[in-house]
Amino acid sequence: MSDRTLWLVKDSDKVINWCKCSEPVAGRFPQAGCPWCGCGWLLSCAFCRKCFTFGRFDWFDESVESLARRLATAEWGPQVDDEDVAEMAEFMTWAAEGFAAGDRVVVIDYQLFRVDEEGPFEFDGAYAHHTLDALPQVRELTEPGTLDASLGSKEYWLERALPGE
């Protein structure tokens, strides 16, 4: 068991940033059944539950179990049990796989992408099938309106919904 854990913090205030915490740390990806609202393409702070667009992997000087307990308690309250903590730790380990400290990322439909990755991107997320030539959150920096026309559009998601969604 390592005393260090790689996990997500807020990287910047650009595009959408409602979290004003002094130490913003991502919790579980907040995706619900309406991903166009932002829950399918924004990260959520475990402490205030407000969203932000860009995350960055950073080292925490605590074990994954310790950090998972802190984040699970912040999200769900003091009633968290060992099973909740284990689920959070498993999620964190899965989400951080393949990433390194300093990697800047965005989330789309429960998948993380490095902001410096070149498209095209084709994948099945939790809700929909996506074919993107670039990451809409990154494109939004230079082409405002990109998110409204893509990930922020209900029609975008419904047209691409996987069977059963």
N, C-alpha and C. Protein backbone atom coordinates (compact mmCIF):
# COMPACT_ATOMS: atom_id res chain seq x y z
N MET A 1 0.85 -1.19 0.00
CA MET A 1 0.00 0.00 0.00
C MET A 1 0.89 1.24 0.00
N SER A 2 0.68 2.09 -0.95
CA SER A 2 1.47 3.30 -1.08
C SER A 2 0.90 4.42 -0.22
N ASP A 3 1.78 5.27 0.26
CA ASP A 3 1.35 6.44 1.03
C ASP A 3 1.14 7.65 0.13
N ARG A 4 1.21 7.43 -1.18
CA ARG A 4 0.94 8.51 -2.14
C ARG A 4 -0.11 8.03 -3.12
N THR A 5 -0.96 8.98 -3.52
CA THR A 5 -2.06 8.65 -4.43
C THR A 5 -2.13 9.69 -5.53
N LEU A 6 -2.26 9.21 -6.76
CA LEU A 6 -2.43 10.09 -7.92
C LEU A 6 -3.92 10.31 -8.11
N TRP A 7 -4.34 11.59 -8.08
CA TRP A 7 -5.75 11.89 -8.25
C TRP A 7 -5.94 13.29 -8.82
N LEU A 8 -7.18 13.61 -9.16
CA LEU A 8 -7.53 14.82 -9.90
C LEU A 8 -7.81 16.03 -9.03
N VAL A 9 -7.23 17.15 -9.43
CA VAL A 9 -7.53 18.45 -8.84
C VAL A 9 -7.99 19.36 -9.97
N LYS A 10 -8.60 20.48 -9.63
CA LYS A 10 -8.98 21.46 -10.65
C LYS A 10 -7.72 22.06 -11.24
N ASP A 11 -7.67 22.15 -12.57
CA ASP A 11 -6.49 22.68 -13.23
C ASP A 11 -6.59 24.17 -13.51
N SER A 12 -7.76 24.64 -13.88
CA SER A 12 -7.89 26.07 -14.22
C SER A 12 -9.33 26.51 -14.06
N ASP A 13 -9.52 27.82 -14.16
CA ASP A 13 -10.86 28.41 -14.08
C ASP A 13 -11.46 28.62 -15.46
N LYS A 14 -10.80 28.15 -16.51
CA LYS A 14 -11.25 28.42 -17.87
C LYS A 14 -12.50 27.63 -18.23
N VAL A 15 -13.25 28.17 -19.15
CA VAL A 15 -14.51 27.66 -19.72
C VAL A 15 -15.59 27.68 -18.64
N ILE A 16 -15.80 26.60 -17.91
CA ILE A 16 -16.80 26.59 -16.84
C ILE A 16 -16.09 26.27 -15.54
N ASN A 17 -16.34 27.08 -14.54
CA ASN A 17 -15.76 26.85 -13.23
C ASN A 17 -16.67 27.44 -12.17
N TRP A 18 -17.44 26.60 -11.53
CA TRP A 18 -18.30 27.06 -10.45
C TRP A 18 -17.68 26.78 -9.09
N CYS A 19 -16.65 25.94 -9.04
CA CYS A 19 -15.98 25.60 -7.78
C CYS A 19 -15.01 26.70 -7.38
N LYS A 20 -15.15 27.18 -6.18
CA LYS A 20 -14.25 28.22 -5.66
C LYS A 20 -13.47 27.73 -4.44
N CYS A 21 -13.44 26.42 -4.22
CA CYS A 21 -12.74 25.85 -3.07
C CYS A 21 -11.25 26.18 -3.13
N SER A 22 -10.62 26.32 -1.98
CA SER A 22 -9.19 26.62 -1.95
C SER A 22 -8.37 25.40 -2.36
N GLU A 23 -8.88 24.19 -2.12
CA GLU A 23 -8.22 22.97 -2.56
C GLU A 23 -9.23 22.09 -3.28
N PRO A 24 -9.58 22.43 -4.52
CA PRO A 24 -10.60 21.67 -5.24
C PRO A 24 -10.08 20.31 -5.70
N VAL A 25 -10.76 19.27 -5.27
CA VAL A 25 -10.39 17.90 -5.60
C VAL A 25 -11.60 17.23 -6.22
N ALA A 26 -11.41 16.57 -7.34
CA ALA A 26 -12.53 15.89 -8.01
C ALA A 26 -13.02 14.71 -7.18
N GLY A 27 -14.32 14.51 -7.25
CA GLY A 27 -14.92 13.31 -6.68
C GLY A 27 -15.24 12.37 -7.82
N ARG A 28 -16.23 11.54 -7.60
CA ARG A 28 -16.70 10.67 -8.69
C ARG A 28 -17.20 11.53 -9.83
N PHE A 29 -17.11 11.01 -11.05
CA PHE A 29 -17.67 11.74 -12.18
C PHE A 29 -19.18 11.80 -11.96
N PRO A 30 -19.77 12.98 -12.08
CA PRO A 30 -21.15 13.18 -11.64
C PRO A 30 -22.21 12.74 -12.64
N GLN A 31 -21.87 11.97 -13.66
CA GLN A 31 -22.79 11.70 -14.76
C GLN A 31 -24.09 11.05 -14.31
N ALA A 32 -25.19 11.65 -14.76
CA ALA A 32 -26.53 11.14 -14.51
C ALA A 32 -27.17 10.80 -15.86
N GLY A 33 -28.48 10.72 -15.90
CA GLY A 33 -29.19 10.37 -17.12
C GLY A 33 -29.41 11.53 -18.07
N CYS A 34 -28.83 12.67 -17.77
CA CYS A 34 -29.00 13.87 -18.62
C CYS A 34 -27.63 14.49 -18.89
N PRO A 35 -26.74 13.78 -19.58
CA PRO A 35 -25.35 14.24 -19.71
C PRO A 35 -25.18 15.60 -20.37
N TRP A 36 -26.19 16.06 -21.12
CA TRP A 36 -26.12 17.37 -21.77
C TRP A 36 -26.12 18.51 -20.75
N CYS A 37 -26.58 18.26 -19.52
CA CYS A 37 -26.63 19.32 -18.51
C CYS A 37 -25.23 19.73 -18.05
N GLY A 38 -24.24 18.92 -18.37
CA GLY A 38 -22.87 19.16 -17.93
C GLY A 38 -22.33 17.97 -17.17
N CYS A 39 -23.21 17.15 -16.61
CA CYS A 39 -22.74 16.01 -15.83
C CYS A 39 -22.00 14.99 -16.70
N GLY A 40 -22.17 15.04 -18.01
CA GLY A 40 -21.46 14.14 -18.90
C GLY A 40 -20.14 14.68 -19.42
N TRP A 41 -19.81 15.94 -19.07
CA TRP A 41 -18.58 16.52 -19.62
C TRP A 41 -17.90 17.53 -18.68
N LEU A 42 -18.28 17.53 -17.42
CA LEU A 42 -17.62 18.36 -16.42
C LEU A 42 -17.18 17.50 -15.25
N LEU A 43 -16.13 17.92 -14.57
CA LEU A 43 -15.69 17.29 -13.34
C LEU A 43 -16.37 17.99 -12.18
N SER A 44 -16.50 17.30 -11.06
CA SER A 44 -17.20 17.86 -9.91
C SER A 44 -16.30 17.80 -8.67
N CYS A 45 -16.23 18.89 -7.95
CA CYS A 45 -15.45 18.96 -6.72
C CYS A 45 -16.13 18.11 -5.64
N ALA A 46 -15.35 17.27 -4.97
CA ALA A 46 -15.90 16.41 -3.92
C ALA A 46 -16.38 17.22 -2.73
N PHE A 47 -15.81 18.41 -2.52
CA PHE A 47 -16.12 19.17 -1.32
C PHE A 47 -17.33 20.09 -1.47
N CYS A 48 -17.43 20.80 -2.58
CA CYS A 48 -18.58 21.71 -2.77
C CYS A 48 -19.58 21.16 -3.79
N ARG A 49 -19.18 20.13 -4.52
CA ARG A 49 -19.99 19.48 -5.57
C ARG A 49 -20.25 20.37 -6.78
N LYS A 50 -19.57 21.48 -6.86
CA LYS A 50 -19.71 22.35 -8.03
C LYS A 50 -18.71 21.92 -9.09
N CYS A 51 -19.04 22.20 -10.33
CA CYS A 51 -18.28 21.65 -11.46
C CYS A 51 -17.20 22.59 -12.00
N PHE A 52 -16.27 21.95 -12.69
CA PHE A 52 -15.21 22.65 -13.42
C PHE A 52 -14.85 21.83 -14.65
N THR A 53 -14.24 22.46 -15.63
CA THR A 53 -13.99 21.83 -16.92
C THR A 53 -12.68 21.06 -16.96
N PHE A 54 -11.60 21.65 -16.48
CA PHE A 54 -10.28 21.07 -16.66
C PHE A 54 -9.72 20.54 -15.35
N GLY A 55 -9.25 19.29 -15.39
CA GLY A 55 -8.61 18.68 -14.23
C GLY A 55 -7.14 18.42 -14.52
N ARG A 56 -6.41 18.10 -13.46
CA ARG A 56 -4.99 17.77 -13.58
C ARG A 56 -4.68 16.70 -12.54
N PHE A 57 -3.93 15.70 -12.94
CA PHE A 57 -3.52 14.69 -11.98
C PHE A 57 -2.38 15.23 -11.13
N ASP A 58 -2.48 14.97 -9.84
CA ASP A 58 -1.47 15.44 -8.88
C ASP A 58 -1.30 14.37 -7.81
N TRP A 59 -0.15 14.40 -7.14
CA TRP A 59 0.10 13.46 -6.05
C TRP A 59 -0.46 13.99 -4.73
N PHE A 60 -1.07 13.11 -3.99
CA PHE A 60 -1.52 13.40 -2.62
C PHE A 60 -0.69 12.55 -1.69
N ASP A 61 -0.23 13.13 -0.59
CA ASP A 61 0.61 12.41 0.36
C ASP A 61 -0.26 11.63 1.35
N GLU A 62 -1.06 10.73 0.81
CA GLU A 62 -1.87 9.84 1.63
C GLU A 62 -2.24 8.63 0.79
N SER A 63 -2.60 7.55 1.44
CA SER A 63 -2.96 6.33 0.72
C SER A 63 -4.25 6.53 -0.04
N VAL A 64 -4.49 5.68 -1.04
CA VAL A 64 -5.73 5.78 -1.80
C VAL A 64 -6.93 5.55 -0.87
N GLU A 65 -6.79 4.68 0.12
CA GLU A 65 -7.90 4.43 1.05
C GLU A 65 -8.19 5.67 1.90
N SER A 66 -7.15 6.35 2.35
CA SER A 66 -7.33 7.55 3.16
C SER A 66 -7.98 8.67 2.34
N LEU A 67 -7.47 8.89 1.14
CA LEU A 67 -8.04 9.93 0.28
C LEU A 67 -9.46 9.56 -0.12
N ALA A 68 -9.70 8.30 -0.45
CA ALA A 68 -11.04 7.85 -0.82
C ALA A 68 -12.02 8.08 0.34
N ARG A 69 -11.61 7.81 1.56
CA ARG A 69 -12.48 8.05 2.72
C ARG A 69 -12.79 9.54 2.86
N ARG A 70 -11.77 10.37 2.69
CA ARG A 70 -11.98 11.82 2.79
C ARG A 70 -12.96 12.31 1.72
N LEU A 71 -12.77 11.85 0.49
CA LEU A 71 -13.62 12.30 -0.60
C LEU A 71 -15.03 11.72 -0.49
N ALA A 72 -15.14 10.45 -0.13
CA ALA A 72 -16.46 9.84 0.03
C ALA A 72 -17.24 10.52 1.17
N THR A 73 -16.55 10.84 2.25
CA THR A 73 -17.21 11.53 3.37
C THR A 73 -17.64 12.92 2.95
N ALA A 74 -16.81 13.61 2.18
CA ALA A 74 -17.18 14.95 1.71
C ALA A 74 -18.41 14.89 0.81
N GLU A 75 -18.49 13.86 -0.04
CA GLU A 75 -19.61 13.74 -0.97
C GLU A 75 -20.88 13.21 -0.33
N TRP A 76 -20.75 12.20 0.52
CA TRP A 76 -21.93 11.48 1.02
C TRP A 76 -22.20 11.67 2.50
N GLY A 77 -21.31 12.35 3.22
CA GLY A 77 -21.53 12.58 4.64
C GLY A 77 -20.87 11.53 5.52
N PRO A 78 -20.98 11.72 6.83
CA PRO A 78 -20.26 10.85 7.78
C PRO A 78 -20.76 9.42 7.83
N GLN A 79 -21.88 9.12 7.18
CA GLN A 79 -22.42 7.77 7.23
C GLN A 79 -21.71 6.80 6.29
N VAL A 80 -20.64 7.23 5.59
CA VAL A 80 -19.94 6.32 4.69
C VAL A 80 -19.39 5.13 5.47
N ASP A 81 -19.41 3.99 4.82
CA ASP A 81 -18.88 2.79 5.45
C ASP A 81 -17.69 2.28 4.65
N ASP A 82 -17.11 1.19 5.10
CA ASP A 82 -15.92 0.66 4.44
C ASP A 82 -16.20 0.26 2.99
N GLU A 83 -17.41 -0.20 2.70
CA GLU A 83 -17.77 -0.56 1.32
C GLU A 83 -17.78 0.67 0.42
N ASP A 84 -18.33 1.78 0.92
CA ASP A 84 -18.33 3.04 0.16
C ASP A 84 -16.89 3.47 -0.15
N VAL A 85 -16.04 3.37 0.86
CA VAL A 85 -14.64 3.78 0.69
C VAL A 85 -13.94 2.87 -0.31
N ALA A 86 -14.19 1.57 -0.22
CA ALA A 86 -13.57 0.63 -1.16
C ALA A 86 -14.03 0.91 -2.58
N GLU A 87 -15.31 1.22 -2.78
CA GLU A 87 -15.82 1.55 -4.12
C GLU A 87 -15.17 2.82 -4.65
N MET A 88 -15.03 3.83 -3.79
CA MET A 88 -14.40 5.08 -4.20
C MET A 88 -12.93 4.85 -4.55
N ALA A 89 -12.23 4.07 -3.74
CA ALA A 89 -10.81 3.77 -4.01
C ALA A 89 -10.66 3.01 -5.32
N GLU A 90 -11.56 2.06 -5.58
CA GLU A 90 -11.51 1.31 -6.83
C GLU A 90 -11.77 2.22 -8.03
N PHE A 91 -12.74 3.11 -7.90
CA PHE A 91 -13.03 4.07 -8.97
C PHE A 91 -11.81 4.96 -9.22
N MET A 92 -11.20 5.48 -8.16
CA MET A 92 -10.05 6.37 -8.31
C MET A 92 -8.88 5.66 -8.99
N THR A 93 -8.64 4.41 -8.60
CA THR A 93 -7.55 3.63 -9.19
C THR A 93 -7.82 3.39 -10.67
N TRP A 94 -9.06 3.03 -11.00
CA TRP A 94 -9.45 2.81 -12.40
C TRP A 94 -9.28 4.10 -13.21
N ALA A 95 -9.78 5.22 -12.71
CA ALA A 95 -9.76 6.48 -13.46
C ALA A 95 -8.34 6.99 -13.66
N ALA A 96 -7.44 6.75 -12.71
CA ALA A 96 -6.07 7.27 -12.80
C ALA A 96 -5.15 6.39 -13.63
N GLU A 97 -5.60 5.20 -13.97
CA GLU A 97 -4.76 4.26 -14.72
C GLU A 97 -4.32 4.87 -16.05
N GLY A 98 -3.03 4.82 -16.31
CA GLY A 98 -2.48 5.32 -17.56
C GLY A 98 -2.15 6.81 -17.55
N PHE A 99 -2.42 7.48 -16.44
CA PHE A 99 -2.12 8.90 -16.35
C PHE A 99 -0.93 9.13 -15.42
N ALA A 100 -0.33 10.31 -15.54
CA ALA A 100 0.82 10.68 -14.72
C ALA A 100 0.58 12.04 -14.10
N ALA A 101 1.32 12.33 -13.04
CA ALA A 101 1.22 13.64 -12.40
C ALA A 101 1.49 14.71 -13.45
N GLY A 102 0.66 15.75 -13.45
CA GLY A 102 0.80 16.84 -14.39
C GLY A 102 -0.08 16.70 -15.62
N ASP A 103 -0.60 15.49 -15.89
CA ASP A 103 -1.50 15.33 -17.03
C ASP A 103 -2.76 16.16 -16.82
N ARG A 104 -3.06 17.01 -17.81
CA ARG A 104 -4.27 17.84 -17.80
C ARG A 104 -5.34 17.10 -18.58
N VAL A 105 -6.56 17.03 -18.03
CA VAL A 105 -7.60 16.19 -18.63
C VAL A 105 -8.95 16.88 -18.64
N VAL A 106 -9.83 16.32 -19.50
CA VAL A 106 -11.26 16.63 -19.49
C VAL A 106 -11.98 15.28 -19.47
N VAL A 107 -13.24 15.32 -19.07
CA VAL A 107 -14.05 14.11 -19.06
C VAL A 107 -15.16 14.24 -20.11
N ILE A 108 -15.41 13.15 -20.82
CA ILE A 108 -16.55 13.07 -21.74
C ILE A 108 -17.19 11.71 -21.52
N ASP A 109 -18.42 11.71 -21.05
CA ASP A 109 -19.20 10.49 -20.95
C ASP A 109 -18.44 9.39 -20.21
N TYR A 110 -17.89 9.75 -19.05
CA TYR A 110 -17.21 8.83 -18.13
C TYR A 110 -15.84 8.38 -18.62
N GLN A 111 -15.27 9.08 -19.61
CA GLN A 111 -13.93 8.78 -20.11
C GLN A 111 -13.06 10.01 -19.96
N LEU A 112 -11.83 9.83 -19.51
CA LEU A 112 -10.89 10.93 -19.39
C LEU A 112 -9.98 11.00 -20.62
N PHE A 113 -9.68 12.23 -21.04
CA PHE A 113 -8.79 12.48 -22.17
C PHE A 113 -7.80 13.57 -21.79
N ARG A 114 -6.54 13.37 -22.18
CA ARG A 114 -5.53 14.42 -21.99
C ARG A 114 -5.87 15.58 -22.93
N VAL A 115 -5.75 16.79 -22.44
CA VAL A 115 -6.13 17.95 -23.26
C VAL A 115 -5.19 18.16 -24.44
N ASP A 116 -4.00 17.58 -24.38
CA ASP A 116 -3.07 17.73 -25.49
C ASP A 116 -3.16 16.59 -26.50
N GLU A 117 -4.12 15.68 -26.33
CA GLU A 117 -4.32 14.59 -27.29
C GLU A 117 -4.90 15.14 -28.58
N GLU A 118 -4.44 14.59 -29.68
CA GLU A 118 -4.96 14.95 -31.00
C GLU A 118 -6.07 13.97 -31.38
N GLY A 119 -7.12 14.47 -32.00
CA GLY A 119 -8.19 13.62 -32.48
C GLY A 119 -7.81 12.93 -33.76
N PRO A 120 -8.67 12.18 -34.34
CA PRO A 120 -10.07 12.03 -33.93
C PRO A 120 -10.22 11.06 -32.75
N PHE A 121 -11.37 11.19 -32.09
CA PHE A 121 -11.73 10.35 -30.95
C PHE A 121 -13.02 9.62 -31.30
N GLU A 122 -13.00 8.32 -31.20
CA GLU A 122 -14.22 7.54 -31.40
C GLU A 122 -14.31 6.54 -30.27
N PHE A 123 -15.41 6.56 -29.53
CA PHE A 123 -15.54 5.69 -28.37
C PHE A 123 -17.00 5.60 -27.92
N ASP A 124 -17.29 4.54 -27.21
CA ASP A 124 -18.57 4.40 -26.53
C ASP A 124 -18.37 4.81 -25.09
N GLY A 125 -19.14 5.79 -24.66
CA GLY A 125 -19.12 6.20 -23.27
C GLY A 125 -20.19 5.47 -22.48
N ALA A 126 -20.52 5.99 -21.34
CA ALA A 126 -21.56 5.38 -20.52
C ALA A 126 -22.94 5.59 -21.12
N TYR A 127 -23.12 6.65 -21.89
CA TYR A 127 -24.43 7.03 -22.42
C TYR A 127 -24.52 6.95 -23.95
N ALA A 128 -23.44 7.35 -24.63
CA ALA A 128 -23.53 7.53 -26.08
C ALA A 128 -22.27 7.07 -26.80
N HIS A 129 -22.40 6.94 -28.12
CA HIS A 129 -21.27 6.70 -29.00
C HIS A 129 -20.81 8.06 -29.53
N HIS A 130 -19.50 8.32 -29.44
CA HIS A 130 -18.96 9.62 -29.83
C HIS A 130 -17.94 9.47 -30.96
N THR A 131 -18.01 10.37 -31.91
CA THR A 131 -17.00 10.53 -32.94
C THR A 131 -16.69 12.02 -32.98
N LEU A 132 -15.50 12.38 -32.50
CA LEU A 132 -15.11 13.79 -32.36
C LEU A 132 -13.78 14.03 -33.04
N ASP A 133 -13.67 15.12 -33.79
CA ASP A 133 -12.38 15.44 -34.40
C ASP A 133 -11.44 16.13 -33.42
N ALA A 134 -12.01 16.72 -32.35
CA ALA A 134 -11.23 17.38 -31.31
C ALA A 134 -12.04 17.35 -30.02
N LEU A 135 -11.39 17.62 -28.92
CA LEU A 135 -12.09 17.67 -27.63
C LEU A 135 -12.87 18.99 -27.55
N PRO A 136 -14.19 18.93 -27.42
CA PRO A 136 -14.99 20.16 -27.42
C PRO A 136 -14.60 21.15 -26.32
N GLN A 137 -14.21 20.67 -25.15
CA GLN A 137 -13.83 21.58 -24.07
C GLN A 137 -12.59 22.38 -24.45
N VAL A 138 -11.65 21.74 -25.12
CA VAL A 138 -10.43 22.42 -25.55
C VAL A 138 -10.75 23.38 -26.70
N ARG A 139 -11.56 22.92 -27.63
CA ARG A 139 -11.94 23.78 -28.76
C ARG A 139 -12.69 25.03 -28.27
N GLU A 140 -13.45 24.89 -27.20
CA GLU A 140 -14.22 26.02 -26.65
C GLU A 140 -13.30 27.20 -26.28
N LEU A 141 -12.06 26.92 -25.94
CA LEU A 141 -11.11 27.98 -25.58
C LEU A 141 -10.89 28.96 -26.72
N THR A 142 -10.90 28.47 -27.96
CA THR A 142 -10.64 29.32 -29.12
C THR A 142 -11.87 29.52 -30.00
N GLU A 143 -12.86 28.65 -29.81
CA GLU A 143 -14.09 28.73 -30.61
C GLU A 143 -15.30 28.69 -29.69
N PRO A 144 -15.61 29.82 -29.03
CA PRO A 144 -16.75 29.84 -28.11
C PRO A 144 -18.03 29.39 -28.82
N GLY A 145 -18.83 28.63 -28.11
CA GLY A 145 -20.06 28.09 -28.67
C GLY A 145 -19.94 26.62 -29.03
N THR A 146 -18.71 26.11 -29.06
CA THR A 146 -18.49 24.70 -29.40
C THR A 146 -19.24 23.78 -28.45
N LEU A 147 -19.18 24.05 -27.16
CA LEU A 147 -19.85 23.17 -26.20
C LEU A 147 -21.36 23.21 -26.34
N ASP A 148 -21.91 24.39 -26.54
CA ASP A 148 -23.37 24.50 -26.72
C ASP A 148 -23.84 23.70 -27.93
N ALA A 149 -23.03 23.63 -28.97
CA ALA A 149 -23.41 22.94 -30.19
C ALA A 149 -23.10 21.44 -30.15
N SER A 150 -22.40 21.00 -29.11
CA SER A 150 -22.03 19.59 -29.04
C SER A 150 -22.43 19.01 -27.69
N LEU A 151 -21.51 18.88 -26.78
CA LEU A 151 -21.76 18.21 -25.51
C LEU A 151 -22.85 18.88 -24.67
N GLY A 152 -23.08 20.16 -24.86
CA GLY A 152 -24.12 20.86 -24.12
C GLY A 152 -25.49 20.78 -24.76
N SER A 153 -25.60 20.05 -25.86
CA SER A 153 -26.85 19.94 -26.60
C SER A 153 -27.55 18.61 -26.30
N LYS A 154 -28.80 18.69 -25.88
CA LYS A 154 -29.57 17.48 -25.63
C LYS A 154 -29.67 16.63 -26.89
N GLU A 155 -29.87 17.27 -28.02
CA GLU A 155 -29.99 16.56 -29.28
C GLU A 155 -28.70 15.78 -29.61
N TYR A 156 -27.54 16.40 -29.33
CA TYR A 156 -26.27 15.71 -29.57
C TYR A 156 -26.28 14.35 -28.89
N TRP A 157 -26.65 14.32 -27.62
CA TRP A 157 -26.62 13.08 -26.84
C TRP A 157 -27.70 12.10 -27.28
N LEU A 158 -28.90 12.59 -27.51
CA LEU A 158 -29.99 11.68 -27.87
C LEU A 158 -29.76 11.02 -29.22
N GLU A 159 -29.18 11.76 -30.17
CA GLU A 159 -28.87 11.20 -31.48
C GLU A 159 -27.81 10.11 -31.43
N ARG A 160 -26.97 10.13 -30.39
CA ARG A 160 -25.85 9.20 -30.28
C ARG A 160 -26.04 8.18 -29.16
N ALA A 161 -27.19 8.21 -28.50
CA ALA A 161 -27.44 7.34 -27.34
C ALA A 161 -27.22 5.87 -27.69
N LEU A 162 -26.59 5.16 -26.78
CA LEU A 162 -26.40 3.73 -26.94
C LEU A 162 -27.73 3.02 -26.72
N PRO A 163 -27.89 1.83 -27.29
CA PRO A 163 -29.14 1.09 -27.06
C PRO A 163 -29.41 0.93 -25.56
N GLY A 164 -30.63 1.16 -25.18
CA GLY A 164 -31.01 1.03 -23.78
C GLY A 164 -30.89 2.33 -22.98
N GLU A 165 -30.35 3.36 -23.58
CA GLU A 165 -30.22 4.66 -22.88
C GLU A 165 -31.41 5.53 -23.18
